[in-house]
């Protein structure tokens, strides 16, 4: 009898030990194509992003495109630059045509704008049937509008190109551009360190919160923007993420995670999927990374980059 009881335990001991949980994250860039920034032309930016990602051996990233910016003052050469990202092994997806706020337009007009963008994108190499909400605005408090757009995306064969981790890098870029316009003295080394640190912290925060909300460790999707700061520091960011224990994976891998089927029902529809799932689960605030808030982010920028005193 004892031998029969011990045999299953002995067999179990021979099974491989499950691997430890692994932090995996993909990279994505919004608002493509953008025009000249504080430090680089648009062409210089694209070449540098491609070169730095190749040097860091980063896998496929996703570039979310606003086709209506192509050929305008903010997107001259945009089509060629988008093609360059694809030629470098990355993929492209829909970020609307004109970058509208859903809570400021009708569902019908919003879906029409998506259709215009998709008509430009769908037959191009590297296209993926993903749509990312501009401003991560999924309708605010208007649940009927939110659900109408969700249904419209499903009918079009488009899935939500959701975000799980972000550090509001667009604000850091905006603060930098303003400082350059004002002729302020900028500590460029500190600026790069801030860019990298905020993203790594945002990824770790999202990892912690998603585990609480889902009971597992989903693959993360990080939101970046096609900015000068990305071009100057994407290589440093990739190395810092890896040093912090992250494995950089492709956008295809991230969006193969079952997390993509989640349709959280919250009182306000905006922000990252991480925040929405935590809210739906009843987890307490803050459900967002601390430097997503304008006040702390601006204060830290002024202290670290402009050397105005204070900060952490």
Foldseek 3Di string as FASTA:
>chain_A
DVVVVCVVVVVVVPDDDDDDAAAAEAEEAEDAPFADALPGGSVLLLVLLLVLCVVLVFAAYEYAYQQLCDPDNTQDCRVVSVVVSVVSPYAYEHAFNPLDALQVDALVVRLVRSVVRCVVQVPDPRYDQEYEYRQQAQHWQPVVSNVSNVVSSVVVVHFYLFAQFEQPVVVLRVVVRVCSVVVAAWPVVLSLVVVQVSRLQRSVLSQVLVCVLPVGGAYGYYYDHSHPSCSVRVNVNSVVNVVVRYDYDHSVRRCVTPLRVDDADASTRGDGPSLRSSVSSVHDDPSGRPNVDPVLVVVQCCCRTRVPDDHD
